Structure formats: C-alpha cells, structure tokens
Amino acid sequence: MRAIAKALGWAPSTISRELTRNAAAGGSYRPYSAEKRCRARARRPKPRKLALPRPTTELFPAIGKAI
C-alpha cells in the first residue's frame, strides 16, 4: 500500500481508505465498481447557493453600476 501511495504521491491513509471503502467482497479492487459506488454515495443534487431567484444586479451591485 505504501508503494502505491508513494507512486501516486498520496498519503498511505488515503489509499487505505479507498481500498477499505471500495474493495469487492473477495477483497479485490475494481475501479469501475468503485466509481459507481462513489457516485451513488455522493450527496446530489446539492442545494443551490443562491436559492432565491433575484436579479443579478441585486446580488452583485458592482455589475449594476457597470451597465
């Protein structure tokens, strides 16, 4: 694991977590399956940062002055 981490330039703990989370039942690592599980775990859709629709000039007054 340390050799893989060194070759990739990542911390060994990162490699360990990836293998722990995404190893198949037999202990083998399948990148395609790992990617599918990762996407399924991702919190999507994310809430919008600008939840209320407002005019851009109200949100960014400098833009209104430039127009």
N, C-alpha and C. Protein backbone atom coordinates (compact mmCIF):
# COMPACT_ATOMS: atom_id res chain seq x y z
N MET A 1 0.82 -1.19 0.00
CA MET A 1 0.00 0.00 0.00
C MET A 1 0.87 1.26 0.00
N ARG A 2 1.94 1.24 0.77
CA ARG A 2 2.82 2.40 0.82
C ARG A 2 3.49 2.66 -0.52
N ALA A 3 3.82 1.60 -1.24
CA ALA A 3 4.46 1.76 -2.55
C ALA A 3 3.47 2.41 -3.54
N ILE A 4 2.22 2.00 -3.49
CA ILE A 4 1.20 2.59 -4.35
C ILE A 4 1.02 4.06 -4.01
N ALA A 5 0.94 4.37 -2.72
CA ALA A 5 0.77 5.75 -2.27
C ALA A 5 1.95 6.62 -2.72
N LYS A 6 3.14 6.10 -2.58
CA LYS A 6 4.32 6.85 -2.98
C LYS A 6 4.33 7.10 -4.48
N ALA A 7 3.97 6.08 -5.26
CA ALA A 7 3.95 6.22 -6.72
C ALA A 7 2.92 7.26 -7.17
N LEU A 8 1.80 7.33 -6.46
CA LEU A 8 0.74 8.27 -6.82
C LEU A 8 0.93 9.64 -6.19
N GLY A 9 1.80 9.71 -5.19
CA GLY A 9 2.01 10.97 -4.48
C GLY A 9 0.91 11.28 -3.49
N TRP A 10 0.27 10.24 -2.98
CA TRP A 10 -0.81 10.40 -1.99
C TRP A 10 -0.37 9.83 -0.66
N ALA A 11 -1.10 10.16 0.37
CA ALA A 11 -0.82 9.60 1.69
C ALA A 11 -1.27 8.14 1.74
N PRO A 12 -0.53 7.29 2.44
CA PRO A 12 -0.93 5.89 2.56
C PRO A 12 -2.33 5.73 3.17
N SER A 13 -2.72 6.64 4.06
CA SER A 13 -4.04 6.55 4.67
C SER A 13 -5.15 6.74 3.62
N THR A 14 -4.89 7.57 2.61
CA THR A 14 -5.87 7.79 1.55
C THR A 14 -6.08 6.50 0.75
N ILE A 15 -4.99 5.83 0.43
CA ILE A 15 -5.08 4.56 -0.30
C ILE A 15 -5.80 3.53 0.54
N SER A 16 -5.49 3.48 1.83
CA SER A 16 -6.13 2.53 2.72
C SER A 16 -7.64 2.75 2.79
N ARG A 17 -8.05 4.01 2.93
CA ARG A 17 -9.50 4.32 2.98
C ARG A 17 -10.18 3.94 1.68
N GLU A 18 -9.54 4.24 0.56
CA GLU A 18 -10.13 3.90 -0.74
C GLU A 18 -10.32 2.40 -0.87
N LEU A 19 -9.32 1.64 -0.50
CA LEU A 19 -9.42 0.19 -0.60
C LEU A 19 -10.46 -0.37 0.36
N THR A 20 -10.52 0.19 1.56
CA THR A 20 -11.50 -0.28 2.55
C THR A 20 -12.92 0.00 2.08
N ARG A 21 -13.15 1.19 1.58
CA ARG A 21 -14.49 1.58 1.14
C ARG A 21 -14.95 0.82 -0.09
N ASN A 22 -14.03 0.58 -1.02
CA ASN A 22 -14.45 0.13 -2.34
C ASN A 22 -13.96 -1.24 -2.76
N ALA A 23 -13.41 -2.02 -1.85
CA ALA A 23 -12.98 -3.37 -2.21
C ALA A 23 -14.21 -4.25 -2.37
N ALA A 24 -14.14 -5.16 -3.32
CA ALA A 24 -15.24 -6.11 -3.55
C ALA A 24 -15.26 -7.13 -2.40
N ALA A 25 -16.28 -7.96 -2.39
CA ALA A 25 -16.47 -8.93 -1.31
C ALA A 25 -15.26 -9.85 -1.15
N GLY A 26 -14.61 -10.22 -2.24
CA GLY A 26 -13.45 -11.10 -2.18
C GLY A 26 -12.16 -10.37 -1.84
N GLY A 27 -12.23 -9.06 -1.66
CA GLY A 27 -11.04 -8.28 -1.32
C GLY A 27 -10.35 -7.65 -2.51
N SER A 28 -10.84 -7.94 -3.72
CA SER A 28 -10.21 -7.35 -4.90
C SER A 28 -10.77 -5.95 -5.15
N TYR A 29 -9.99 -5.11 -5.80
CA TYR A 29 -10.39 -3.73 -6.08
C TYR A 29 -10.74 -3.61 -7.55
N ARG A 30 -11.94 -3.17 -7.82
CA ARG A 30 -12.41 -2.97 -9.19
C ARG A 30 -12.71 -1.49 -9.39
N PRO A 31 -11.90 -0.78 -10.17
CA PRO A 31 -12.08 0.67 -10.31
C PRO A 31 -13.46 1.07 -10.82
N TYR A 32 -14.01 0.33 -11.79
CA TYR A 32 -15.31 0.69 -12.34
C TYR A 32 -16.39 0.59 -11.26
N SER A 33 -16.38 -0.49 -10.49
CA SER A 33 -17.35 -0.67 -9.41
C SER A 33 -17.15 0.38 -8.32
N ALA A 34 -15.88 0.70 -8.03
CA ALA A 34 -15.58 1.71 -7.02
C ALA A 34 -16.14 3.06 -7.44
N GLU A 35 -16.00 3.40 -8.71
CA GLU A 35 -16.53 4.67 -9.22
C GLU A 35 -18.05 4.70 -9.10
N LYS A 36 -18.71 3.60 -9.43
CA LYS A 36 -20.17 3.53 -9.32
C LYS A 36 -20.63 3.73 -7.88
N ARG A 37 -19.95 3.07 -6.93
CA ARG A 37 -20.30 3.22 -5.52
C ARG A 37 -20.05 4.63 -5.02
N CYS A 38 -18.96 5.22 -5.49
CA CYS A 38 -18.63 6.58 -5.10
C CYS A 38 -19.71 7.56 -5.56
N ARG A 39 -20.14 7.42 -6.80
CA ARG A 39 -21.19 8.30 -7.32
C ARG A 39 -22.52 8.09 -6.61
N ALA A 40 -22.80 6.86 -6.22
CA ALA A 40 -24.05 6.58 -5.51
C ALA A 40 -24.03 7.19 -4.10
N ARG A 41 -22.84 7.26 -3.48
CA ARG A 41 -22.72 7.83 -2.14
C ARG A 41 -22.71 9.36 -2.15
N ALA A 42 -22.38 9.94 -3.29
CA ALA A 42 -22.26 11.41 -3.36
C ALA A 42 -23.60 12.06 -3.06
N ARG A 43 -23.56 13.16 -2.35
CA ARG A 43 -24.78 13.88 -2.00
C ARG A 43 -25.18 14.78 -3.16
N ARG A 44 -26.05 14.28 -3.98
CA ARG A 44 -26.52 15.04 -5.13
C ARG A 44 -28.02 14.92 -5.20
N PRO A 45 -28.74 15.84 -5.67
CA PRO A 45 -28.27 17.15 -6.08
C PRO A 45 -27.96 18.02 -4.87
N LYS A 46 -26.95 18.83 -5.02
CA LYS A 46 -26.59 19.75 -3.94
C LYS A 46 -27.58 20.90 -3.90
N PRO A 47 -27.82 21.45 -2.72
CA PRO A 47 -28.69 22.63 -2.66
C PRO A 47 -28.01 23.82 -3.33
N ARG A 48 -28.79 24.65 -3.96
CA ARG A 48 -28.23 25.81 -4.65
C ARG A 48 -27.74 26.82 -3.64
N LYS A 49 -26.65 27.50 -3.97
CA LYS A 49 -26.12 28.52 -3.09
C LYS A 49 -26.98 29.77 -3.14
N LEU A 50 -27.54 30.06 -4.27
CA LEU A 50 -28.42 31.21 -4.43
C LEU A 50 -29.83 30.67 -4.60
N ALA A 51 -30.44 30.25 -3.51
CA ALA A 51 -31.72 29.56 -3.56
C ALA A 51 -32.86 30.43 -4.08
N LEU A 52 -32.86 31.70 -3.73
CA LEU A 52 -33.95 32.56 -4.17
C LEU A 52 -33.57 33.26 -5.47
N PRO A 53 -34.42 33.16 -6.49
CA PRO A 53 -34.08 33.85 -7.73
C PRO A 53 -34.22 35.36 -7.55
N ARG A 54 -33.12 36.06 -7.71
CA ARG A 54 -33.10 37.52 -7.60
C ARG A 54 -32.34 38.08 -8.78
N PRO A 55 -32.58 39.33 -9.12
CA PRO A 55 -31.81 39.92 -10.21
C PRO A 55 -30.32 39.96 -9.87
N THR A 56 -29.51 39.74 -10.85
CA THR A 56 -28.06 39.73 -10.66
C THR A 56 -27.58 41.05 -10.09
N THR A 57 -28.17 42.15 -10.50
CA THR A 57 -27.73 43.45 -10.01
C THR A 57 -28.00 43.61 -8.51
N GLU A 58 -29.00 42.90 -8.00
CA GLU A 58 -29.27 42.96 -6.56
C GLU A 58 -28.22 42.16 -5.78
N LEU A 59 -27.78 41.05 -6.36
CA LEU A 59 -26.79 40.21 -5.71
C LEU A 59 -25.39 40.78 -5.81
N PHE A 60 -25.10 41.40 -6.94
CA PHE A 60 -23.77 41.95 -7.20
C PHE A 60 -23.92 43.40 -7.66
N PRO A 61 -23.98 44.34 -6.73
CA PRO A 61 -24.23 45.75 -7.08
C PRO A 61 -23.20 46.32 -8.06
N ALA A 62 -21.97 45.85 -8.04
CA ALA A 62 -20.96 46.38 -8.94
C ALA A 62 -21.33 46.14 -10.41
N ILE A 63 -22.03 45.04 -10.69
CA ILE A 63 -22.46 44.75 -12.06
C ILE A 63 -23.49 45.77 -12.50
N GLY A 64 -24.41 46.13 -11.61
CA GLY A 64 -25.43 47.12 -11.93
C GLY A 64 -24.84 48.48 -12.25
N LYS A 65 -23.76 48.84 -11.58
CA LYS A 65 -23.11 50.13 -11.84
C LYS A 65 -22.40 50.15 -13.18
N ALA A 66 -21.91 48.96 -13.59
CA ALA A 66 -21.16 48.88 -14.85
C ALA A 66 -22.08 48.94 -16.06
N ILE A 67 -23.37 48.62 -15.88
CA ILE A 67 -24.29 48.55 -17.01
C ILE A 67 -24.81 49.91 -17.38
